[in-house]
Structure formats: structure tokens, C-alpha cells
Amino acid sequence: MEGQKSGRKTRVGTVISDKMDKTVVVRVERLVHHSKYHKFIRRQNKFQAHDAHNACQVGDRVLIEESRPLSKTKRWVVVKTLDKAVM
């Protein structure tokens, strides 16, 4: 069973809030090509993700993966921290 794809979406983003218990808010940015003006536009989404060990801090780059609904707004889980914030 190892090595198979899980079929779950993953995103890389930056933690912008860690004030909740076992929850972080992650901002994910993406570039979208504008069809008329042929420019790239930055779009961003905020996701609430489950952080079981309260390990993430504001400014960390994290990998999140979608999961079953954990609460009213939490549908993502922090898989790992890619870069720690420099303070």
C-alpha cells in the first residue's frame, strides 16, 4: 500500500495566525493569468488547518492537506513545516 497517491489536495502556504488552540490560519497564494490583459494576478485564500501539536508559528511555511471536516470551518491538516519563521 505504500507509495500510492492519497488523492487528497495539498497546498503550500504561510501561517498568518496561531491564536487558536490546535488551529492555524494559512494563507495560500497563487498566480492566475488574466485572459484580457495577459498579466499574472495574485490571488489568495485563507484556510483553517488542524495543528495537533501547536508547533506552527506566524510566518512559517507549511504544507497542508485536505481531510474530513474537523469543525465548522476546519477541513485541512498541517502535514509538515517547510520553513520556520525568522524572528
N, C-alpha and C. Protein backbone atom coordinates (compact mmCIF):
# COMPACT_ATOMS: atom_id res chain seq x y z
N MET A 1 0.80 -1.20 0.00
CA MET A 1 0.00 0.00 0.00
C MET A 1 0.85 1.27 0.00
N GLU A 2 2.12 1.14 0.33
CA GLU A 2 2.96 2.33 0.39
C GLU A 2 3.27 2.82 -1.01
N GLY A 3 3.45 4.14 -1.13
CA GLY A 3 3.80 4.71 -2.42
C GLY A 3 2.60 5.09 -3.27
N GLN A 4 1.39 4.77 -2.81
CA GLN A 4 0.21 5.14 -3.58
C GLN A 4 -0.18 6.57 -3.27
N LYS A 5 -0.80 7.23 -4.26
CA LYS A 5 -1.28 8.59 -4.04
C LYS A 5 -2.55 8.55 -3.20
N SER A 6 -2.68 9.56 -2.34
CA SER A 6 -3.84 9.59 -1.46
C SER A 6 -5.06 10.20 -2.15
N GLY A 7 -4.85 10.98 -3.21
CA GLY A 7 -5.97 11.61 -3.89
C GLY A 7 -6.47 12.85 -3.19
N ARG A 8 -5.76 13.28 -2.15
CA ARG A 8 -6.14 14.47 -1.42
C ARG A 8 -5.34 15.67 -1.92
N LYS A 9 -5.99 16.84 -1.91
CA LYS A 9 -5.33 18.05 -2.35
C LYS A 9 -4.33 18.52 -1.31
N THR A 10 -3.23 19.07 -1.76
CA THR A 10 -2.24 19.67 -0.87
C THR A 10 -1.96 21.09 -1.33
N ARG A 11 -1.63 21.95 -0.39
CA ARG A 11 -1.31 23.34 -0.67
C ARG A 11 -0.12 23.74 0.20
N VAL A 12 0.65 24.71 -0.29
CA VAL A 12 1.75 25.28 0.48
C VAL A 12 1.39 26.73 0.76
N GLY A 13 1.47 27.12 2.04
CA GLY A 13 1.10 28.48 2.40
C GLY A 13 1.86 28.96 3.62
N THR A 14 1.51 30.18 4.03
CA THR A 14 2.16 30.83 5.16
C THR A 14 1.17 30.97 6.29
N VAL A 15 1.62 30.66 7.50
CA VAL A 15 0.77 30.80 8.69
C VAL A 15 0.63 32.29 9.00
N ILE A 16 -0.63 32.77 9.09
CA ILE A 16 -0.85 34.17 9.41
C ILE A 16 -1.47 34.35 10.79
N SER A 17 -1.95 33.27 11.41
CA SER A 17 -2.50 33.36 12.76
C SER A 17 -2.36 32.00 13.45
N ASP A 18 -1.95 32.04 14.72
CA ASP A 18 -1.85 30.81 15.51
C ASP A 18 -2.48 31.01 16.89
N LYS A 19 -3.46 31.90 16.99
CA LYS A 19 -4.03 32.27 18.28
C LYS A 19 -5.01 31.22 18.82
N MET A 20 -5.52 30.36 17.96
CA MET A 20 -6.46 29.34 18.40
C MET A 20 -5.70 28.10 18.89
N ASP A 21 -6.37 27.29 19.68
CA ASP A 21 -5.77 26.07 20.18
C ASP A 21 -5.87 24.98 19.12
N LYS A 22 -4.73 24.43 18.72
CA LYS A 22 -4.63 23.36 17.73
C LYS A 22 -5.17 23.75 16.36
N THR A 23 -5.20 25.03 16.06
CA THR A 23 -5.66 25.51 14.76
C THR A 23 -4.78 26.66 14.31
N VAL A 24 -4.44 26.67 13.03
CA VAL A 24 -3.72 27.79 12.43
C VAL A 24 -4.47 28.25 11.20
N VAL A 25 -4.31 29.53 10.88
CA VAL A 25 -4.87 30.07 9.65
C VAL A 25 -3.73 30.20 8.66
N VAL A 26 -3.89 29.60 7.48
CA VAL A 26 -2.83 29.55 6.47
C VAL A 26 -3.29 30.31 5.24
N ARG A 27 -2.46 31.24 4.77
CA ARG A 27 -2.75 31.97 3.54
C ARG A 27 -2.01 31.31 2.39
N VAL A 28 -2.75 30.92 1.35
CA VAL A 28 -2.19 30.28 0.17
C VAL A 28 -2.32 31.24 -0.99
N GLU A 29 -1.20 31.56 -1.63
CA GLU A 29 -1.20 32.46 -2.78
C GLU A 29 -0.98 31.67 -4.05
N ARG A 30 -1.63 32.14 -5.13
CA ARG A 30 -1.45 31.52 -6.44
C ARG A 30 -1.47 32.61 -7.49
N LEU A 31 -0.87 32.35 -8.64
CA LEU A 31 -0.87 33.29 -9.75
C LEU A 31 -1.89 32.83 -10.78
N VAL A 32 -2.72 33.78 -11.24
CA VAL A 32 -3.75 33.49 -12.23
C VAL A 32 -3.51 34.38 -13.43
N HIS A 33 -3.58 33.81 -14.61
CA HIS A 33 -3.37 34.57 -15.84
C HIS A 33 -4.67 35.26 -16.23
N HIS A 34 -4.61 36.59 -16.43
CA HIS A 34 -5.79 37.35 -16.85
C HIS A 34 -5.95 37.20 -18.36
N SER A 35 -7.16 36.81 -18.79
CA SER A 35 -7.36 36.49 -20.20
C SER A 35 -7.33 37.71 -21.11
N LYS A 36 -7.80 38.85 -20.62
CA LYS A 36 -7.84 40.05 -21.46
C LYS A 36 -6.53 40.83 -21.43
N TYR A 37 -6.00 41.06 -20.25
CA TYR A 37 -4.83 41.92 -20.12
C TYR A 37 -3.51 41.16 -20.13
N HIS A 38 -3.56 39.84 -20.15
CA HIS A 38 -2.37 38.98 -20.26
C HIS A 38 -1.34 39.28 -19.16
N LYS A 39 -1.85 39.53 -17.96
CA LYS A 39 -0.99 39.72 -16.81
C LYS A 39 -1.24 38.59 -15.83
N PHE A 40 -0.29 38.41 -14.93
CA PHE A 40 -0.48 37.46 -13.86
C PHE A 40 -0.95 38.21 -12.62
N ILE A 41 -2.03 37.75 -12.03
CA ILE A 41 -2.63 38.38 -10.87
C ILE A 41 -2.48 37.45 -9.68
N ARG A 42 -2.13 38.02 -8.52
CA ARG A 42 -2.01 37.22 -7.30
C ARG A 42 -3.40 37.05 -6.69
N ARG A 43 -3.76 35.82 -6.43
CA ARG A 43 -5.00 35.51 -5.72
C ARG A 43 -4.60 34.78 -4.44
N GLN A 44 -5.40 34.98 -3.39
CA GLN A 44 -5.07 34.32 -2.14
C GLN A 44 -6.33 33.79 -1.47
N ASN A 45 -6.14 32.68 -0.76
CA ASN A 45 -7.21 32.07 0.02
C ASN A 45 -6.68 31.82 1.42
N LYS A 46 -7.58 31.85 2.39
CA LYS A 46 -7.22 31.54 3.77
C LYS A 46 -7.91 30.24 4.16
N PHE A 47 -7.13 29.33 4.72
CA PHE A 47 -7.64 28.05 5.16
C PHE A 47 -7.34 27.89 6.64
N GLN A 48 -8.30 27.34 7.38
CA GLN A 48 -8.03 26.98 8.77
C GLN A 48 -7.59 25.52 8.77
N ALA A 49 -6.45 25.26 9.38
CA ALA A 49 -5.85 23.92 9.36
C ALA A 49 -5.60 23.44 10.78
N HIS A 50 -5.72 22.13 10.96
CA HIS A 50 -5.52 21.50 12.27
C HIS A 50 -4.02 21.31 12.51
N ASP A 51 -3.55 21.83 13.64
CA ASP A 51 -2.16 21.70 14.05
C ASP A 51 -2.16 21.00 15.41
N ALA A 52 -2.06 19.68 15.40
CA ALA A 52 -2.28 18.88 16.60
C ALA A 52 -1.32 19.20 17.74
N HIS A 53 -0.09 19.56 17.43
CA HIS A 53 0.92 19.77 18.47
C HIS A 53 1.19 21.24 18.75
N ASN A 54 0.42 22.14 18.17
CA ASN A 54 0.64 23.59 18.31
C ASN A 54 2.09 23.95 17.98
N ALA A 55 2.63 23.35 16.92
CA ALA A 55 4.04 23.54 16.57
C ALA A 55 4.26 24.74 15.65
N CYS A 56 3.24 25.18 14.94
CA CYS A 56 3.40 26.25 13.96
C CYS A 56 3.32 27.61 14.61
N GLN A 57 4.11 28.55 14.05
CA GLN A 57 4.10 29.94 14.49
C GLN A 57 3.80 30.82 13.30
N VAL A 58 3.48 32.08 13.57
CA VAL A 58 3.21 33.03 12.50
C VAL A 58 4.45 33.20 11.64
N GLY A 59 4.29 33.11 10.33
CA GLY A 59 5.41 33.26 9.40
C GLY A 59 5.97 31.96 8.88
N ASP A 60 5.60 30.83 9.47
CA ASP A 60 6.09 29.54 8.99
C ASP A 60 5.46 29.20 7.64
N ARG A 61 6.25 28.55 6.77
CA ARG A 61 5.70 27.99 5.54
C ARG A 61 5.35 26.54 5.82
N VAL A 62 4.10 26.15 5.53
CA VAL A 62 3.64 24.81 5.87
C VAL A 62 2.98 24.15 4.67
N LEU A 63 2.98 22.83 4.71
CA LEU A 63 2.26 22.02 3.73
C LEU A 63 0.99 21.54 4.40
N ILE A 64 -0.17 21.83 3.79
CA ILE A 64 -1.45 21.39 4.35
C ILE A 64 -2.11 20.43 3.37
N GLU A 65 -2.91 19.52 3.93
CA GLU A 65 -3.60 18.51 3.13
C GLU A 65 -5.06 18.48 3.55
N GLU A 66 -5.95 18.30 2.58
CA GLU A 66 -7.37 18.29 2.92
C GLU A 66 -7.72 17.01 3.67
N SER A 67 -8.74 17.11 4.51
CA SER A 67 -9.16 15.98 5.34
C SER A 67 -10.66 16.04 5.52
N ARG A 68 -11.17 15.15 6.33
CA ARG A 68 -12.59 15.18 6.65
C ARG A 68 -12.88 16.43 7.47
N PRO A 69 -14.11 16.89 7.54
CA PRO A 69 -14.42 18.07 8.35
C PRO A 69 -14.12 17.82 9.84
N LEU A 70 -13.29 18.68 10.40
CA LEU A 70 -12.92 18.56 11.81
C LEU A 70 -13.73 19.51 12.68
N SER A 71 -14.25 20.57 12.10
CA SER A 71 -15.13 21.51 12.79
C SER A 71 -15.92 22.25 11.72
N LYS A 72 -16.58 23.34 12.11
CA LYS A 72 -17.40 24.08 11.15
C LYS A 72 -16.58 24.61 9.98
N THR A 73 -15.38 25.08 10.24
CA THR A 73 -14.56 25.68 9.18
C THR A 73 -13.25 24.96 8.90
N LYS A 74 -12.91 23.95 9.69
CA LYS A 74 -11.61 23.27 9.55
C LYS A 74 -11.75 22.02 8.71
N ARG A 75 -11.11 22.06 7.51
CA ARG A 75 -11.11 20.90 6.62
C ARG A 75 -9.71 20.55 6.13
N TRP A 76 -8.68 21.12 6.74
CA TRP A 76 -7.30 20.90 6.34
C TRP A 76 -6.47 20.52 7.55
N VAL A 77 -5.37 19.80 7.31
CA VAL A 77 -4.46 19.36 8.36
C VAL A 77 -3.04 19.75 7.96
N VAL A 78 -2.27 20.26 8.92
CA VAL A 78 -0.87 20.59 8.67
C VAL A 78 -0.08 19.28 8.59
N VAL A 79 0.55 19.04 7.45
CA VAL A 79 1.33 17.81 7.26
C VAL A 79 2.74 18.00 7.78
N LYS A 80 3.40 19.10 7.36
CA LYS A 80 4.74 19.38 7.86
C LYS A 80 5.08 20.84 7.68
N THR A 81 6.06 21.28 8.45
CA THR A 81 6.56 22.65 8.36
C THR A 81 7.74 22.65 7.42
N LEU A 82 7.67 23.47 6.37
CA LEU A 82 8.74 23.53 5.38
C LEU A 82 9.85 24.50 5.82
N ASP A 83 9.47 25.69 6.23
CA ASP A 83 10.43 26.70 6.71
C ASP A 83 9.90 27.32 7.99
N LYS A 84 10.78 27.47 8.97
CA LYS A 84 10.42 28.15 10.20
C LYS A 84 10.58 29.66 10.00
N ALA A 85 9.77 30.43 10.71
CA ALA A 85 9.83 31.88 10.63
C ALA A 85 11.10 32.40 11.29
N VAL A 86 11.68 33.44 10.70
CA VAL A 86 12.87 34.07 11.28
C VAL A 86 12.40 35.29 12.05
N MET A 87 12.70 35.31 13.34
CA MET A 87 12.24 36.43 14.18
C MET A 87 13.42 37.22 14.68
